[in-house]
Amino acid sequence: MGLENRVVQLTTKDILEKEFKSGLRGYSPDEVDQFLDVIIKDYEAFEAEIQRLRQENQKLKQDMTQQPVESRRSSLAQGQTNYDILKRLSNLEKHVFGSRLND
């Protein structure tokens, strides 16, 4: 299941502001806060990476839609260049060999 189909349930603000009830033998609030700080930093890094990958994905999709048009233009230009070369070669042969080509 991809991330695009998954609903994100927590934001960095949700993590930061989460309050835990303390019990008789509860966890150290300082340790919990330190651990949540690490989670928040990782979460921000993941969000930034997801955003970067989405932008890269969008750019690649745009490149793919433009590529066939550019490829066709390139093929047409190459075909024209080949035609011009053959035409020049033919004229050069006529000039160098003259009437011997027709004999």
PDB file of N, CA and C in Angstrom:
ATOM      1  N   MET A   1       0.847  -1.180   0.000  1.00  0.00           N
ATOM      2  CA  MET A   1       0.000   0.000   0.000  1.00  0.00           C
ATOM      3  C   MET A   1       0.889   1.238   0.000  1.00  0.00           C
ATOM      4  N   GLY A   2       0.725   2.113  -0.987  1.00  0.00           N
ATOM      5  CA  GLY A   2       1.556   3.306  -1.093  1.00  0.00           C
ATOM      6  C   GLY A   2       1.153   4.377  -0.099  1.00  0.00           C
ATOM      7  N   LEU A   3       2.064   5.280   0.128  1.00  0.00           N
ATOM      8  CA  LEU A   3       1.804   6.377   1.059  1.00  0.00           C
ATOM      9  C   LEU A   3       0.690   7.294   0.568  1.00  0.00           C
ATOM     10  N   GLU A   4       0.519   7.401  -0.756  1.00  0.00           N
ATOM     11  CA  GLU A   4      -0.504   8.296  -1.276  1.00  0.00           C
ATOM     12  C   GLU A   4      -1.905   7.822  -0.904  1.00  0.00           C
ATOM     13  N   ASN A   5      -2.064   6.538  -0.571  1.00  0.00           N
ATOM     14  CA  ASN A   5      -3.367   5.999  -0.182  1.00  0.00           C
ATOM     15  C   ASN A   5      -3.557   6.002   1.334  1.00  0.00           C
ATOM     16  N   ARG A   6      -2.533   6.333   2.070  1.00  0.00           N
ATOM     17  CA  ARG A   6      -2.590   6.283   3.526  1.00  0.00           C
ATOM     18  C   ARG A   6      -2.854   7.677   4.077  1.00  0.00           C
ATOM     19  N   VAL A   7      -3.761   7.767   5.020  1.00  0.00           N
ATOM     20  CA  VAL A   7      -4.074   9.034   5.656  1.00  0.00           C
ATOM     21  C   VAL A   7      -3.081   9.245   6.794  1.00  0.00           C
ATOM     22  N   VAL A   8      -2.423  10.383   6.799  1.00  0.00           N
ATOM     23  CA  VAL A   8      -1.482  10.714   7.864  1.00  0.00           C
ATOM     24  C   VAL A   8      -2.293  11.154   9.073  1.00  0.00           C
ATOM     25  N   GLN A   9      -2.054  10.496  10.192  1.00  0.00           N
ATOM     26  CA  GLN A   9      -2.860  10.757  11.379  1.00  0.00           C
ATOM     27  C   GLN A   9      -2.240  11.792  12.297  1.00  0.00           C
ATOM     28  N   LEU A  10      -0.928  11.945  12.267  1.00  0.00           N
ATOM     29  CA  LEU A  10      -0.253  12.858  13.179  1.00  0.00           C
ATOM     30  C   LEU A  10       0.548  13.902  12.421  1.00  0.00           C
ATOM     31  N   THR A  11       0.570  15.081  12.974  1.00  0.00           N
ATOM     32  CA  THR A  11       1.458  16.121  12.471  1.00  0.00           C
ATOM     33  C   THR A  11       2.570  16.301  13.497  1.00  0.00           C
ATOM     34  N   THR A  12       3.584  17.039  13.126  1.00  0.00           N
ATOM     35  CA  THR A  12       4.656  17.299  14.095  1.00  0.00           C
ATOM     36  C   THR A  12       4.110  18.052  15.302  1.00  0.00           C
ATOM     37  N   LYS A  13       3.120  18.896  15.068  1.00  0.00           N
ATOM     38  CA  LYS A  13       2.503  19.640  16.173  1.00  0.00           C
ATOM     39  C   LYS A  13       1.756  18.694  17.113  1.00  0.00           C
ATOM     40  N   ASP A  14       1.048  17.713  16.540  1.00  0.00           N
ATOM     41  CA  ASP A  14       0.349  16.715  17.365  1.00  0.00           C
ATOM     42  C   ASP A  14       1.330  15.965  18.266  1.00  0.00           C
ATOM     43  N   ILE A  15       2.462  15.593  17.706  1.00  0.00           N
ATOM     44  CA  ILE A  15       3.464  14.859  18.477  1.00  0.00           C
ATOM     45  C   ILE A  15       4.033  15.747  19.573  1.00  0.00           C
ATOM     46  N   LEU A  16       4.344  16.968  19.199  1.00  0.00           N
ATOM     47  CA  LEU A  16       4.945  17.898  20.153  1.00  0.00           C
ATOM     48  C   LEU A  16       4.015  18.189  21.328  1.00  0.00           C
ATOM     49  N   GLU A  17       2.742  18.326  21.054  1.00  0.00           N
ATOM     50  CA  GLU A  17       1.793  18.729  22.089  1.00  0.00           C
ATOM     51  C   GLU A  17       1.122  17.558  22.808  1.00  0.00           C
ATOM     52  N   LYS A  18       1.509  16.336  22.481  1.00  0.00           N
ATOM     53  CA  LYS A  18       0.894  15.159  23.115  1.00  0.00           C
ATOM     54  C   LYS A  18       1.222  15.130  24.608  1.00  0.00           C
ATOM     55  N   GLU A  19       0.200  14.976  25.411  1.00  0.00           N
ATOM     56  CA  GLU A  19       0.351  14.865  26.865  1.00  0.00           C
ATOM     57  C   GLU A  19       0.054  13.425  27.261  1.00  0.00           C
ATOM     58  N   PHE A  20       0.892  12.864  28.097  1.00  0.00           N
ATOM     59  CA  PHE A  20       0.691  11.511  28.596  1.00  0.00           C
ATOM     60  C   PHE A  20       0.286  11.567  30.060  1.00  0.00           C
ATOM     61  N   LYS A  21      -0.624  10.717  30.416  1.00  0.00           N
ATOM     62  CA  LYS A  21      -1.021  10.619  31.824  1.00  0.00           C
ATOM     63  C   LYS A  21       0.089   9.892  32.586  1.00  0.00           C
ATOM     64  N   SER A  22       0.332  10.321  33.779  1.00  0.00           N
ATOM     65  CA  SER A  22       1.355   9.647  34.570  1.00  0.00           C
ATOM     66  C   SER A  22       0.680   8.640  35.499  1.00  0.00           C
ATOM     67  N   GLY A  23       1.315   7.502  35.625  1.00  0.00           N
ATOM     68  CA  GLY A  23       0.796   6.454  36.491  1.00  0.00           C
ATOM     69  C   GLY A  23       1.711   6.293  37.696  1.00  0.00           C
ATOM     70  N   LEU A  24       1.385   5.330  38.489  1.00  0.00           N
ATOM     71  CA  LEU A  24       2.157   5.078  39.692  1.00  0.00           C
ATOM     72  C   LEU A  24       3.619   4.789  39.355  1.00  0.00           C
ATOM     73  N   ARG A  25       3.828   3.969  38.361  1.00  0.00           N
ATOM     74  CA  ARG A  25       5.200   3.654  37.931  1.00  0.00           C
ATOM     75  C   ARG A  25       5.373   4.091  36.476  1.00  0.00           C
ATOM     76  N   GLY A  26       5.021   5.291  36.187  1.00  0.00           N
ATOM     77  CA  GLY A  26       5.049   5.796  34.817  1.00  0.00           C
ATOM     78  C   GLY A  26       6.465   6.054  34.313  1.00  0.00           C
ATOM     79  N   TYR A  27       6.530   6.402  33.043  1.00  0.00           N
ATOM     80  CA  TYR A  27       7.807   6.709  32.403  1.00  0.00           C
ATOM     81  C   TYR A  27       8.274   8.089  32.835  1.00  0.00           C
ATOM     82  N   SER A  28       9.568   8.310  32.681  1.00  0.00           N
ATOM     83  CA  SER A  28      10.148   9.616  32.979  1.00  0.00           C
ATOM     84  C   SER A  28       9.674  10.608  31.916  1.00  0.00           C
ATOM     85  N   PRO A  29       9.011  11.684  32.315  1.00  0.00           N
ATOM     86  CA  PRO A  29       8.531  12.667  31.330  1.00  0.00           C
ATOM     87  C   PRO A  29       9.664  13.247  30.487  1.00  0.00           C
ATOM     88  N   ASP A  30      10.838  13.441  31.065  1.00  0.00           N
ATOM     89  CA  ASP A  30      11.964  13.983  30.294  1.00  0.00           C
ATOM     90  C   ASP A  30      12.405  13.019  29.200  1.00  0.00           C
ATOM     91  N   GLU A  31      12.450  11.735  29.516  1.00  0.00           N
ATOM     92  CA  GLU A  31      12.843  10.739  28.510  1.00  0.00           C
ATOM     93  C   GLU A  31      11.814  10.673  27.386  1.00  0.00           C
ATOM     94  N   VAL A  32      10.547  10.722  27.759  1.00  0.00           N
ATOM     95  CA  VAL A  32       9.481  10.698  26.749  1.00  0.00           C
ATOM     96  C   VAL A  32       9.594  11.930  25.854  1.00  0.00           C
ATOM     97  N   ASP A  33       9.805  13.098  26.448  1.00  0.00           N
ATOM     98  CA  ASP A  33       9.945  14.336  25.666  1.00  0.00           C
ATOM     99  C   ASP A  33      11.143  14.263  24.725  1.00  0.00           C
ATOM    100  N   GLN A  34      12.267  13.752  25.199  1.00  0.00           N
ATOM    101  CA  GLN A  34      13.462  13.642  24.362  1.00  0.00           C
ATOM    102  C   GLN A  34      13.204  12.693  23.190  1.00  0.00           C
ATOM    103  N   PHE A  35      12.553  11.585  23.476  1.00  0.00           N
ATOM    104  CA  PHE A  35      12.248  10.626  22.424  1.00  0.00           C
ATOM    105  C   PHE A  35      11.285  11.228  21.403  1.00  0.00           C
ATOM    106  N   LEU A  36      10.285  11.938  21.877  1.00  0.00           N
ATOM    107  CA  LEU A  36       9.342  12.581  20.957  1.00  0.00           C
ATOM    108  C   LEU A  36      10.029  13.643  20.110  1.00  0.00           C
ATOM    109  N   ASP A  37      11.028  14.329  20.668  1.00  0.00           N
ATOM    110  CA  ASP A  37      11.788  15.304  19.881  1.00  0.00           C
ATOM    111  C   ASP A  37      12.491  14.628  18.712  1.00  0.00           C
ATOM    112  N   VAL A  38      13.049  13.452  18.958  1.00  0.00           N
ATOM    113  CA  VAL A  38      13.708  12.690  17.887  1.00  0.00           C
ATOM    114  C   VAL A  38      12.680  12.273  16.835  1.00  0.00           C
ATOM    115  N   ILE A  39      11.527  11.822  17.291  1.00  0.00           N
ATOM    116  CA  ILE A  39      10.465  11.412  16.370  1.00  0.00           C
ATOM    117  C   ILE A  39      10.021  12.594  15.504  1.00  0.00           C
ATOM    118  N   ILE A  40       9.895  13.759  16.109  1.00  0.00           N
ATOM    119  CA  ILE A  40       9.488  14.953  15.361  1.00  0.00           C
ATOM    120  C   ILE A  40      10.510  15.282  14.275  1.00  0.00           C
ATOM    121  N   LYS A  41      11.795  15.224  14.613  1.00  0.00           N
ATOM    122  CA  LYS A  41      12.837  15.514  13.611  1.00  0.00           C
ATOM    123  C   LYS A  41      12.785  14.511  12.463  1.00  0.00           C
ATOM    124  N   ASP A  42      12.624  13.226  12.794  1.00  0.00           N
ATOM    125  CA  ASP A  42      12.507  12.221  11.743  1.00  0.00           C
ATOM    126  C   ASP A  42      11.265  12.461  10.889  1.00  0.00           C
ATOM    127  N   TYR A  43      10.186  12.785  11.524  1.00  0.00           N
ATOM    128  CA  TYR A  43       8.919  13.036  10.838  1.00  0.00           C
ATOM    129  C   TYR A  43       9.078  14.205   9.855  1.00  0.00           C
ATOM    130  N   GLU A  44       9.732  15.278  10.302  1.00  0.00           N
ATOM    131  CA  GLU A  44       9.971  16.427   9.424  1.00  0.00           C
ATOM    132  C   GLU A  44      10.857  16.033   8.244  1.00  0.00           C
ATOM    133  N   ALA A  45      11.875  15.206   8.515  1.00  0.00           N
ATOM    134  CA  ALA A  45      12.759  14.748   7.433  1.00  0.00           C
ATOM    135  C   ALA A  45      11.972  13.912   6.423  1.00  0.00           C
ATOM    136  N   PHE A  46      11.096  13.031   6.910  1.00  0.00           N
ATOM    137  CA  PHE A  46      10.274  12.222   6.007  1.00  0.00           C
ATOM    138  C   PHE A  46       9.332  13.092   5.189  1.00  0.00           C
ATOM    139  N   GLU A  47       8.717  14.074   5.822  1.00  0.00           N
ATOM    140  CA  GLU A  47       7.818  14.984   5.093  1.00  0.00           C
ATOM    141  C   GLU A  47       8.574  15.725   3.990  1.00  0.00           C
ATOM    142  N   ALA A  48       9.776  16.199   4.304  1.00  0.00           N
ATOM    143  CA  ALA A  48      10.578  16.916   3.307  1.00  0.00           C
ATOM    144  C   ALA A  48      10.964  15.983   2.160  1.00  0.00           C
ATOM    145  N   GLU A  49      11.337  14.758   2.477  1.00  0.00           N
ATOM    146  CA  GLU A  49      11.717  13.799   1.439  1.00  0.00           C
ATOM    147  C   GLU A  49      10.519  13.433   0.565  1.00  0.00           C
ATOM    148  N   ILE A  50       9.374  13.258   1.172  1.00  0.00           N
ATOM    149  CA  ILE A  50       8.159  12.959   0.398  1.00  0.00           C
ATOM    150  C   ILE A  50       7.841  14.111  -0.546  1.00  0.00           C
ATOM    151  N   GLN A  51       7.960  15.327  -0.071  1.00  0.00           N
ATOM    152  CA  GLN A  51       7.702  16.495  -0.912  1.00  0.00           C
ATOM    153  C   GLN A  51       8.695  16.560  -2.075  1.00  0.00           C
ATOM    154  N   ARG A  52       9.964  16.303  -1.779  1.00  0.00           N
ATOM    155  CA  ARG A  52      10.993  16.321  -2.823  1.00  0.00           C
ATOM    156  C   ARG A  52      10.697  15.247  -3.870  1.00  0.00           C
ATOM    157  N   LEU A  53      10.340  14.053  -3.421  1.00  0.00           N
ATOM    158  CA  LEU A  53      10.049  12.960  -4.342  1.00  0.00           C
ATOM    159  C   LEU A  53       8.799  13.233  -5.173  1.00  0.00           C
ATOM    160  N   ARG A  54       7.805  13.871  -4.575  1.00  0.00           N
ATOM    161  CA  ARG A  54       6.608  14.236  -5.340  1.00  0.00           C
ATOM    162  C   ARG A  54       6.951  15.229  -6.447  1.00  0.00           C
ATOM    163  N   GLN A  55       7.785  16.203  -6.120  1.00  0.00           N
ATOM    164  CA  GLN A  55       8.190  17.183  -7.136  1.00  0.00           C
ATOM    165  C   GLN A  55       8.998  16.512  -8.243  1.00  0.00           C
ATOM    166  N   GLU A  56       9.899  15.615  -7.860  1.00  0.00           N
ATOM    167  CA  GLU A  56      10.699  14.897  -8.854  1.00  0.00           C
ATOM    168  C   GLU A  56       9.800  14.027  -9.730  1.00  0.00           C
ATOM    169  N   ASN A  57       8.840  13.367  -9.113  1.00  0.00           N
ATOM    170  CA  ASN A  57       7.897  12.537  -9.847  1.00  0.00           C
ATOM    171  C   ASN A  57       7.104  13.373 -10.849  1.00  0.00           C
ATOM    172  N   GLN A  58       6.633  14.533 -10.421  1.00  0.00           N
ATOM    173  CA  GLN A  58       5.883  15.421 -11.306  1.00  0.00           C
ATOM    174  C   GLN A  58       6.745  15.875 -12.482  1.00  0.00           C
ATOM    175  N   LYS A  59       7.996  16.213 -12.194  1.00  0.00           N
ATOM    176  CA  LYS A  59       8.907  16.638 -13.264  1.00  0.00           C
ATOM    177  C   LYS A  59       9.148  15.507 -14.264  1.00  0.00           C
ATOM    178  N   LEU A  60       9.340  14.293 -13.769  1.00  0.00           N
ATOM    179  CA  LEU A  60       9.555  13.149 -14.657  1.00  0.00           C
ATOM    180  C   LEU A  60       8.325  12.867 -15.507  1.00  0.00           C
ATOM    181  N   LYS A  61       7.145  13.025 -14.926  1.00  0.00           N
ATOM    182  CA  LYS A  61       5.917  12.839 -15.705  1.00  0.00           C
ATOM    183  C   LYS A  61       5.822  13.871 -16.812  1.00  0.00           C
ATOM    184  N   GLN A  62       6.181  15.124 -16.501  1.00  0.00           N
ATOM    185  CA  GLN A  62       6.159  16.174 -17.519  1.00  0.00           C
ATOM    186  C   GLN A  62       7.179  15.880 -18.612  1.00  0.00           C
ATOM    187  N   ASP A  63       8.363  15.428 -18.211  1.00  0.00           N
ATOM    188  CA  ASP A  63       9.393  15.090 -19.191  1.00  0.00           C
ATOM    189  C   ASP A  63       8.922  13.977 -20.124  1.00  0.00           C
ATOM    190  N   MET A  64       8.220  12.995 -19.568  1.00  0.00           N
ATOM    191  CA  MET A  64       7.741  11.879 -20.389  1.00  0.00           C
ATOM    192  C   MET A  64       6.687  12.324 -21.384  1.00  0.00           C
ATOM    193  N   THR A  65       5.819  13.254 -20.989  1.00  0.00           N
ATOM    194  CA  THR A  65       4.787  13.705 -21.921  1.00  0.00           C
ATOM    195  C   THR A  65       5.378  14.574 -23.015  1.00  0.00           C
ATOM    196  N   GLN A  66       6.481  15.257 -22.735  1.00  0.00           N
ATOM    197  CA  GLN A  66       7.112  16.117 -23.731  1.00  0.00           C
ATOM    198  C   GLN A  66       8.085  15.352 -24.609  1.00  0.00           C
ATOM    199  N   GLN A  67       8.610  14.251 -24.131  1.00  0.00           N
ATOM    200  CA  GLN A  67       9.640  13.517 -24.860  1.00  0.00           C
ATOM    201  C   GLN A  67       9.206  13.044 -26.241  1.00  0.00           C
ATOM    202  N   PRO A  68       8.023  12.457 -26.407  1.00  0.00           N
ATOM    203  CA  PRO A  68       7.666  11.997 -27.747  1.00  0.00           C
ATOM    204  C   PRO A  68       7.646  13.118 -28.781  1.00  0.00           C
ATOM    205  N   VAL A  69       7.172  14.299 -28.409  1.00  0.00           N
ATOM    206  CA  VAL A  69       7.138  15.425 -29.342  1.00  0.00           C
ATOM    207  C   VAL A  69       8.566  15.819 -29.717  1.00  0.00           C
ATOM    208  N   GLU A  70       9.420  15.934 -28.730  1.00  0.00           N
ATOM    209  CA  GLU A  70      10.807  16.301 -28.995  1.00  0.00           C
ATOM    210  C   GLU A  70      11.510  15.224 -29.813  1.00  0.00           C
ATOM    211  N   SER A  71      11.191  13.964 -29.527  1.00  0.00           N
ATOM    212  CA  SER A  71      11.793  12.853 -30.254  1.00  0.00           C
ATOM    213  C   SER A  71      11.390  12.892 -31.719  1.00  0.00           C
ATOM    214  N   ARG A  72      10.103  13.185 -31.974  1.00  0.00           N
ATOM    215  CA  ARG A  72       9.646  13.287 -33.373  1.00  0.00           C
ATOM    216  C   ARG A  72      10.314  14.446 -34.083  1.00  0.00           C
ATOM    217  N   ARG A  73      10.449  15.569 -33.385  1.00  0.00           N
ATOM    218  CA  ARG A  73      11.123  16.721 -33.995  1.00  0.00           C
ATOM    219  C   ARG A  73      12.563  16.372 -34.327  1.00  0.00           C
ATOM    220  N   SER A  74      13.205  15.669 -33.429  1.00  0.00           N
ATOM    221  CA  SER A  74      14.589  15.269 -33.642  1.00  0.00           C
ATOM    222  C   SER A  74      14.697  14.338 -34.851  1.00  0.00           C
ATOM    223  N   SER A  75      13.751  13.381 -34.966  1.00  0.00           N
ATOM    224  CA  SER A  75      13.756  12.455 -36.096  1.00  0.00           C
ATOM    225  C   SER A  75      13.539  13.191 -37.408  1.00  0.00           C
ATOM    226  N   LEU A  76      12.624  14.157 -37.408  1.00  0.00           N
ATOM    227  CA  LEU A  76      12.379  14.937 -38.622  1.00  0.00           C
ATOM    228  C   LEU A  76      13.604  15.745 -39.008  1.00  0.00           C
ATOM    229  N   ALA A  77      14.239  16.355 -38.014  1.00  0.00           N
ATOM    230  CA  ALA A  77      15.447  17.142 -38.289  1.00  0.00           C
ATOM    231  C   ALA A  77      16.553  16.231 -38.802  1.00  0.00           C
ATOM    232  N   GLN A  78      16.689  15.042 -38.230  1.00  0.00           N
ATOM    233  CA  GLN A  78      17.709  14.096 -38.684  1.00  0.00           C
ATOM    234  C   GLN A  78      17.416  13.643 -40.106  1.00  0.00           C
ATOM    235  N   GLY A  79      16.135  13.395 -40.388  1.00  0.00           N
ATOM    236  CA  GLY A  79      15.755  12.996 -41.743  1.00  0.00           C
ATOM    237  C   GLY A  79      16.062  14.091 -42.755  1.00  0.00           C
ATOM    238  N   GLN A  80      15.801  15.336 -42.406  1.00  0.00           N
ATOM    239  CA  GLN A  80      16.097  16.461 -43.289  1.00  0.00           C
ATOM    240  C   GLN A  80      17.604  16.581 -43.506  1.00  0.00           C
ATOM    241  N   THR A  81      18.363  16.402 -42.426  1.00  0.00           N
ATOM    242  CA  THR A  81      19.816  16.469 -42.528  1.00  0.00           C
ATOM    243  C   THR A  81      20.337  15.365 -43.448  1.00  0.00           C
ATOM    244  N   ASN A  82      19.814  14.155 -43.299  1.00  0.00           N
ATOM    245  CA  ASN A  82      20.236  13.046 -44.162  1.00  0.00           C
ATOM    246  C   ASN A  82      19.894  13.335 -45.625  1.00  0.00           C
ATOM    247  N   TYR A  83      18.723  13.890 -45.856  1.00  0.00           N
ATOM    248  CA  TYR A  83      18.318  14.232 -47.222  1.00  0.00           C
ATOM    249  C   TYR A  83      19.277  15.266 -47.814  1.00  0.00           C
ATOM    250  N   ASP A  84      19.601  16.289 -47.028  1.00  0.00           N
ATOM    251  CA  ASP A  84      20.527  17.328 -47.492  1.00  0.00           C
ATOM    252  C   ASP A  84      21.896  16.743 -47.813  1.00  0.00           C
ATOM    253  N   ILE A  85      22.366  15.833 -46.989  1.00  0.00           N
ATOM    254  CA  ILE A  85      23.679  15.203 -47.225  1.00  0.00           C
ATOM    255  C   ILE A  85      23.645  14.386 -48.510  1.00  0.00           C
ATOM    256  N   LEU A  86      22.585  13.610 -48.697  1.00  0.00           N
ATOM    257  CA  LEU A  86      22.479  12.800 -49.920  1.00  0.00           C
ATOM    258  C   LEU A  86      22.386  13.680 -51.162  1.00  0.00           C
ATOM    259  N   LYS A  87      21.674  14.773 -51.046  1.00  0.00           N
ATOM    260  CA  LYS A  87      21.548  15.693 -52.180  1.00  0.00           C
ATOM    261  C   LYS A  87      22.909  16.301 -52.523  1.00  0.00           C
ATOM    262  N   ARG A  88      23.638  16.722 -51.508  1.00  0.00           N
ATOM    263  CA  ARG A  88      24.971  17.293 -51.743  1.00  0.00           C
ATOM    264  C   ARG A  88      25.918  16.255 -52.329  1.00  0.00           C
ATOM    265  N   LEU A  89      25.842  15.032 -51.809  1.00  0.00           N
ATOM    266  CA  LEU A  89      26.693  13.957 -52.316  1.00  0.00           C
ATOM    267  C   LEU A  89      26.395  13.687 -53.787  1.00  0.00           C
ATOM    268  N   SER A  90      25.117  13.693 -54.130  1.00  0.00           N
ATOM    269  CA  SER A  90      24.723  13.471 -55.517  1.00  0.00           C
ATOM    270  C   SER A  90      25.266  14.584 -56.415  1.00  0.00           C
ATOM    271  N   ASN A  91      25.148  15.831 -55.968  1.00  0.00           N
ATOM    272  CA  ASN A  91      25.669  16.962 -56.750  1.00  0.00           C
ATOM    273  C   ASN A  91      27.182  16.877 -56.884  1.00  0.00           C
ATOM    274  N   LEU A  92      27.853  16.457 -55.809  1.00  0.00           N
ATOM    275  CA  LEU A  92      29.312  16.321 -55.854  1.00  0.00           C
ATOM    276  C   LEU A  92      29.725  15.229 -56.835  1.00  0.00           C
ATOM    277  N   GLU A  93      29.023  14.100 -56.819  1.00  0.00           N
ATOM    278  CA  GLU A  93      29.327  13.018 -57.757  1.00  0.00           C
ATOM    279  C   GLU A  93      29.133  13.480 -59.200  1.00  0.00           C
ATOM    280  N   LYS A  94      28.066  14.228 -59.445  1.00  0.00           N
ATOM    281  CA  LYS A  94      27.823  14.731 -60.787  1.00  0.00           C
ATOM    282  C   LYS A  94      28.957  15.657 -61.216  1.00  0.00           C
ATOM    283  N   HIS A  95      29.399  16.481 -60.285  1.00  0.00           N
ATOM    284  CA  HIS A  95      30.454  17.445 -60.618  1.00  0.00           C
ATOM    285  C   HIS A  95      31.789  16.731 -60.846  1.00  0.00           C
ATOM    286  N   VAL A  96      32.122  15.771 -59.997  1.00  0.00           N
ATOM    287  CA  VAL A  96      33.415  15.083 -60.091  1.00  0.00           C
ATOM    288  C   VAL A  96      33.443  14.117 -61.267  1.00  0.00           C
ATOM    289  N   PHE A  97      32.409  13.324 -61.397  1.00  0.00           N
ATOM    290  CA  PHE A  97      32.438  12.282 -62.405  1.00  0.00           C
ATOM    291  C   PHE A  97      31.762  12.692 -63.712  1.00  0.00           C
ATOM    292  N   GLY A  98      31.008  13.751 -63.669  1.00  0.00           N
ATOM    293  CA  GLY A  98      30.384  14.287 -64.874  1.00  0.00           C
ATOM    294  C   GLY A  98      29.509  13.274 -65.569  1.00  0.00           C
ATOM    295  N   SER A  99      29.700  13.183 -66.866  1.00  0.00           N
ATOM    296  CA  SER A  99      28.830  12.332 -67.686  1.00  0.00           C
ATOM    297  C   SER A  99      29.167  10.857 -67.541  1.00  0.00           C
ATOM    298  N   ARG A 100      30.291  10.531 -66.886  1.00  0.00           N
ATOM    299  CA  ARG A 100      30.646   9.118 -66.734  1.00  0.00           C
ATOM    300  C   ARG A 100      29.628   8.351 -65.909  1.00  0.00           C
ATOM    301  N   LEU A 101      28.879   9.035 -65.060  1.00  0.00           N
ATOM    302  CA  LEU A 101      27.865   8.363 -64.268  1.00  0.00           C
ATOM    303  C   LEU A 101      26.728   7.859 -65.140  1.00  0.00           C
ATOM    304  N   ASN A 102      26.414   8.577 -66.175  1.00  0.00           N
ATOM    305  CA  ASN A 102      25.307   8.200 -67.055  1.00  0.00           C
ATOM    306  C   ASN A 102      25.693   7.122 -68.056  1.00  0.00           C
ATOM    307  N   ASP A 103      26.984   6.908 -68.271  1.00  0.00           N
ATOM    308  CA  ASP A 103      27.445   5.934 -69.272  1.00  0.00           C
ATOM    309  C   ASP A 103      27.383   4.517 -68.783  1.00  0.00           C
TER     310      ASP A 103
END
